[in-house]
Protein backbone atom coordinates (compact mmCIF):
# COMPACT_ATOMS: atom_id res chain seq x y z
CA UNK A 1 111.44 132.72 40.12
CA UNK A 2 115.03 133.08 38.93
CA UNK A 3 116.56 136.06 40.77
CA UNK A 4 119.30 136.54 38.16
CA UNK A 5 116.82 137.76 35.54
CA UNK A 6 113.56 138.33 37.41
CA UNK A 7 113.52 142.13 37.49
CA UNK A 8 114.43 142.40 33.81
CA UNK A 9 111.79 139.93 32.63
CA UNK A 10 109.08 141.35 34.91
CA UNK A 11 108.84 145.06 34.23
CA UNK A 12 106.72 147.54 36.22
CA UNK A 13 103.14 147.43 35.01
CA UNK A 14 99.44 148.06 35.59
CA UNK A 15 99.29 145.40 38.30
CA UNK A 16 101.96 147.16 40.36
CA UNK A 17 100.22 150.52 40.02
CA UNK A 18 96.91 149.00 41.08
CA UNK A 19 98.38 147.51 44.24
CA UNK A 20 99.86 150.90 45.17
CA UNK A 21 96.47 152.54 44.61
CA UNK A 22 94.73 149.84 46.65
CA UNK A 23 97.14 150.38 49.53
CA UNK A 24 96.48 154.13 49.41
CA UNK A 25 92.78 153.33 49.73
CA UNK A 26 93.42 151.04 52.71
CA UNK A 27 95.92 153.45 54.33
CA UNK A 28 97.97 150.95 56.36
CA UNK A 29 101.02 151.87 58.40
CA UNK A 30 102.74 148.50 58.83
CA UNK A 31 102.80 146.31 55.71
CA UNK A 32 104.15 142.80 55.10
CA UNK A 33 105.16 141.85 51.56
CA UNK A 34 104.88 138.05 51.60
CA UNK A 35 106.78 136.38 48.77
CA UNK A 36 108.69 139.59 48.08
CA UNK A 37 111.27 137.95 45.80
CA UNK A 38 113.94 140.40 44.69
CA UNK A 39 112.08 143.32 46.26
CA UNK A 40 111.06 144.76 42.89
CA UNK A 41 107.72 145.92 44.33
CA UNK A 42 108.80 146.12 47.98
CA UNK A 43 111.17 149.01 47.33
CA UNK A 44 108.24 151.11 46.08
CA UNK A 45 106.42 150.46 49.37
CA UNK A 46 109.36 151.87 51.30
CA UNK A 47 109.53 154.87 48.97
CA UNK A 48 105.83 155.46 49.60
CA UNK A 49 106.51 155.72 53.33
CA UNK A 50 105.14 152.42 54.63
CA UNK A 51 106.76 150.52 57.50
CA UNK A 52 107.64 147.39 55.51
CA UNK A 53 108.60 143.83 56.40
CA UNK A 54 109.53 141.68 53.38
CA UNK A 55 109.59 137.88 53.50
CA UNK A 56 110.70 135.28 50.97
CA UNK A 57 112.19 131.75 51.22
CA UNK A 58 114.71 132.46 48.43
CA UNK A 59 117.95 133.63 50.06
CA UNK A 60 119.47 134.65 46.72
CA UNK A 61 116.50 136.90 45.97
CA UNK A 62 116.68 138.53 49.40
CA UNK A 63 120.43 139.14 48.94
CA UNK A 64 119.75 140.94 45.65
CA UNK A 65 116.92 142.92 47.22
CA UNK A 66 119.17 144.17 50.01
CA UNK A 67 121.50 145.77 47.45
CA UNK A 68 118.82 148.13 46.11
CA UNK A 69 118.29 151.77 46.96
CA UNK A 70 115.96 152.22 49.95
CA UNK A 71 116.57 148.57 50.99
CA UNK A 72 117.94 149.70 54.34
CA UNK A 73 114.48 151.05 55.19
CA UNK A 74 112.96 147.55 54.97
CA UNK A 75 113.01 144.64 57.41
CA UNK A 76 114.06 141.68 55.22
CA UNK A 77 113.39 138.11 56.38
CA UNK A 78 114.19 134.74 54.82
CA UNK A 79 111.18 132.51 55.41
CA UNK A 80 107.56 131.86 54.56
CA UNK A 81 104.17 132.69 56.05
CA UNK A 82 105.08 130.91 59.29
CA UNK A 83 107.72 133.64 59.78
CA UNK A 84 105.04 136.34 60.04
CA UNK A 85 104.80 137.72 63.61
CA UNK A 86 101.32 137.66 65.17
CA UNK A 87 98.92 140.64 65.20
CA UNK A 88 101.53 143.00 63.78
CA UNK A 89 100.43 144.28 60.37
CA UNK A 90 97.74 146.58 59.05
CA UNK A 91 98.06 144.91 55.66
CA UNK A 92 99.68 141.84 54.13
CA UNK A 93 100.18 141.75 50.36
CA UNK A 94 101.20 139.04 47.90
CA UNK A 95 101.82 140.38 44.41
CA UNK A 96 102.94 138.77 41.13
CA UNK A 97 100.61 135.77 41.54
CA UNK A 98 102.49 134.42 44.56
CA UNK A 99 99.17 132.90 45.65
CA UNK A 100 99.55 130.32 42.87
CA UNK A 101 102.75 128.75 44.20
CA UNK A 102 100.80 126.97 46.97
CA UNK A 103 100.09 123.70 45.23
CA UNK A 104 97.97 121.90 47.82
CA UNK A 105 94.85 122.95 49.67
CA UNK A 106 96.69 122.23 52.93
CA UNK A 107 99.58 124.60 52.15
CA UNK A 108 97.20 127.28 50.89
CA UNK A 109 94.97 127.11 53.98
CA UNK A 110 98.03 127.19 56.25
CA UNK A 111 99.26 130.33 54.48
CA UNK A 112 95.87 131.98 54.91
CA UNK A 113 95.84 131.03 58.60
CA UNK A 114 99.32 132.52 59.06
CA UNK A 115 98.35 135.74 57.29
CA UNK A 116 95.18 136.02 59.38
CA UNK A 117 97.21 135.51 62.56
CA UNK A 118 99.71 138.19 61.54
CA UNK A 119 97.11 140.90 60.94
CA UNK A 120 95.81 143.33 63.51
CA UNK A 121 92.02 143.43 63.94
CA UNK A 122 90.48 144.98 60.80
CA UNK A 123 93.74 144.33 58.93
CA UNK A 124 93.70 143.86 55.16
CA UNK A 125 94.92 141.00 52.96
CA UNK A 126 95.59 141.87 49.30
CA UNK A 127 96.76 139.49 46.59
CA UNK A 128 96.31 138.54 42.95
CA UNK A 129 95.81 135.26 41.09
CA UNK A 130 95.08 134.30 37.49
CA UNK A 131 91.59 133.18 36.47
CA UNK A 132 91.80 129.57 35.22
CA UNK A 133 88.88 130.25 32.86
CA UNK A 134 91.13 132.63 30.88
CA UNK A 135 93.52 129.76 30.08
CA UNK A 136 96.57 132.04 30.00
CA UNK A 137 98.81 128.98 29.63
CA UNK A 138 97.59 128.62 26.03
CA UNK A 139 99.14 132.00 25.23
CA UNK A 140 102.35 131.08 27.04
CA UNK A 141 102.71 127.84 25.10
CA UNK A 142 102.35 129.59 21.72
CA UNK A 143 105.35 131.85 22.38
CA UNK A 144 108.47 130.03 21.17
CA UNK A 145 110.85 132.99 21.58
CA UNK A 146 113.16 133.56 24.55
CA UNK A 147 113.07 136.53 26.87
CA UNK A 148 116.29 138.52 26.78
CA UNK A 149 118.24 139.87 29.71
CA UNK A 150 121.74 140.87 30.77
CA UNK A 151 123.95 139.46 33.50
CA UNK A 152 124.26 142.62 35.57
CA UNK A 153 127.50 141.42 37.12
CA UNK A 154 129.32 140.80 33.82
CA UNK A 155 127.26 142.58 31.16
CA UNK A 156 126.91 139.31 29.22
CA UNK A 157 123.72 138.82 27.17
CA UNK A 158 121.31 136.16 28.43
CA UNK A 159 118.33 134.27 27.07
CA UNK A 160 115.49 132.86 29.14
CA UNK A 161 113.79 129.84 27.55
CA UNK A 162 110.60 128.25 28.82
CA UNK A 163 109.36 124.70 28.22
CA UNK A 164 105.94 123.45 29.28
CA UNK A 165 104.72 120.10 30.63
CA UNK A 166 101.20 121.42 31.18
CA UNK A 167 98.83 120.08 33.82
CA UNK A 168 99.79 117.08 35.91
CA UNK A 169 97.33 116.16 38.66
CA UNK A 170 95.83 119.65 38.54
CA UNK A 171 99.17 121.45 38.84
CA UNK A 172 100.64 123.39 35.90
CA UNK A 173 104.33 122.54 35.41
CA UNK A 174 106.95 124.34 33.33
CA UNK A 175 110.72 124.87 33.23
CA UNK A 176 112.80 128.01 32.84
CA UNK A 177 116.36 127.88 31.56
CA UNK A 178 118.75 130.82 31.55
CA UNK A 179 121.51 130.53 28.93
CA UNK A 180 124.46 132.67 27.96
CA UNK A 181 123.26 134.11 24.65
CA UNK A 182 126.55 133.64 22.78
CA UNK A 183 127.97 130.42 24.26
CA UNK A 184 124.70 128.57 25.04
CA UNK A 185 126.08 127.77 28.49
CA UNK A 186 123.22 126.91 30.82
CA UNK A 187 123.45 129.10 33.92
CA UNK A 188 120.17 128.21 35.64
CA UNK A 189 117.51 125.55 35.06
CA UNK A 190 114.46 125.50 37.32
CA UNK A 191 111.21 123.57 37.52
CA UNK A 192 108.22 125.74 38.35
CA UNK A 193 104.67 124.82 39.26
CA UNK A 194 101.43 126.76 39.67
CA UNK A 195 97.97 126.00 41.01
CA UNK A 196 95.05 127.75 39.32
CA UNK A 197 92.05 128.28 41.62
CA UNK A 198 88.66 129.71 40.69
CA UNK A 199 87.23 132.86 42.23
CA UNK A 200 84.75 130.73 44.16
CA UNK A 201 87.46 128.42 45.50
CA UNK A 202 89.59 131.35 46.68
CA UNK A 203 86.64 133.19 48.21
CA UNK A 204 85.57 130.07 50.10
CA UNK A 205 89.09 129.48 51.37
CA UNK A 206 89.35 133.06 52.65
CA UNK A 207 86.03 132.80 54.45
CA UNK A 208 87.06 129.45 55.91
CA UNK A 209 90.20 131.13 57.29
CA UNK A 210 88.04 133.75 59.02
CA UNK A 211 88.30 136.67 56.61
CA UNK A 212 85.30 138.90 56.01
CA UNK A 213 84.32 141.46 53.36
CA UNK A 214 85.92 139.36 50.64
CA UNK A 215 85.95 141.22 47.33
CA UNK A 216 87.58 140.39 43.99
CA UNK A 217 88.52 143.10 41.50
CA UNK A 218 89.02 142.18 37.86
CA UNK A 219 92.11 142.79 35.73
CA UNK A 220 93.73 145.39 38.00
CA UNK A 221 90.83 147.80 37.68
CA UNK A 222 88.16 148.93 40.11
CA UNK A 223 85.48 146.81 38.46
CA UNK A 224 84.28 143.60 40.09
CA UNK A 225 85.74 140.35 38.75
CA UNK A 226 83.56 138.43 36.30
CA UNK A 227 83.55 135.41 34.01
CA UNK A 228 85.77 137.17 31.44
CA UNK A 229 88.29 138.38 34.01
CA UNK A 230 91.87 137.30 33.31
CA UNK A 231 93.27 138.20 36.72
CA UNK A 232 91.70 138.48 40.16
CA UNK A 233 92.77 140.92 42.87
CA UNK A 234 91.37 139.85 46.22
CA UNK A 235 90.81 142.23 49.11
CA UNK A 236 89.63 140.77 52.41
CA UNK A 237 89.52 142.01 55.98
CA UNK A 238 90.24 140.30 59.28
C-alpha cells in the first residue's frame, strides 16, 4: 500500500458495499478495522454509527486517515493484530484483501489467534481474499498502462507503475512505483508481496484457531463461494 495514492487508485466499489451490508446483518456495536490503511473504509463505519477502533502498522497511512472528516470519532492505533485488546469487539473486519499480506502460515495463524482473542463470545470475524484458482495475476500482468493520480498536497499529476516478479517460493511479488507524470521523478518505490490461499486452506486455519460457523460468500454477493469464485468473503464466529 502506498498511502500517497491509495484512495485514488482504490475507489469505492461492490466489495465495500457488501461489507457494510454484512455488518448490518451482524449488528455489532464495537468494531475493529484491522489493516485499516488510510481509513478509506473505516470512515464509513464511523458514519454508520459503529464504535470503531482502526489499526494499521503504516504510520503514514494512519496520519492521512486522521485528517479525514469523521476521523475524530475513531480510535486510531499504529500496530498489528497483537495490538488488539482482548475480548473487546463484537466484530473484527479486514477488507481490501489484507488477509493476503500474511506470507507465512505462522504469521497467518498468529493473526487469527489475536483476532479470536480480541472478540467477545459470539463475536464475528469478516474478511476477504482472492481465490488462487481465478489467477487474477494473469490479468494484472497484461495491463501495461499506469494508474493515474494527483498529489493532493501540490496538485501535481502522478503515475503509478507496476512491475511483476510473479511467484517466488509460493509468494506473489510485485513492485509499485509512483512517478511525477511530467518530470518522471520517482517519488515512491515499494516491493509488495501476497500469499494466495485456497478456500479449504483458509477454512481449516479458521477452525484450527477456534472459529465456528465458517462460511465463505463468493464475489461479494450472498451466494456461497464455489470453484468459479474470484473472491472469497469469509464470515466466522467465535
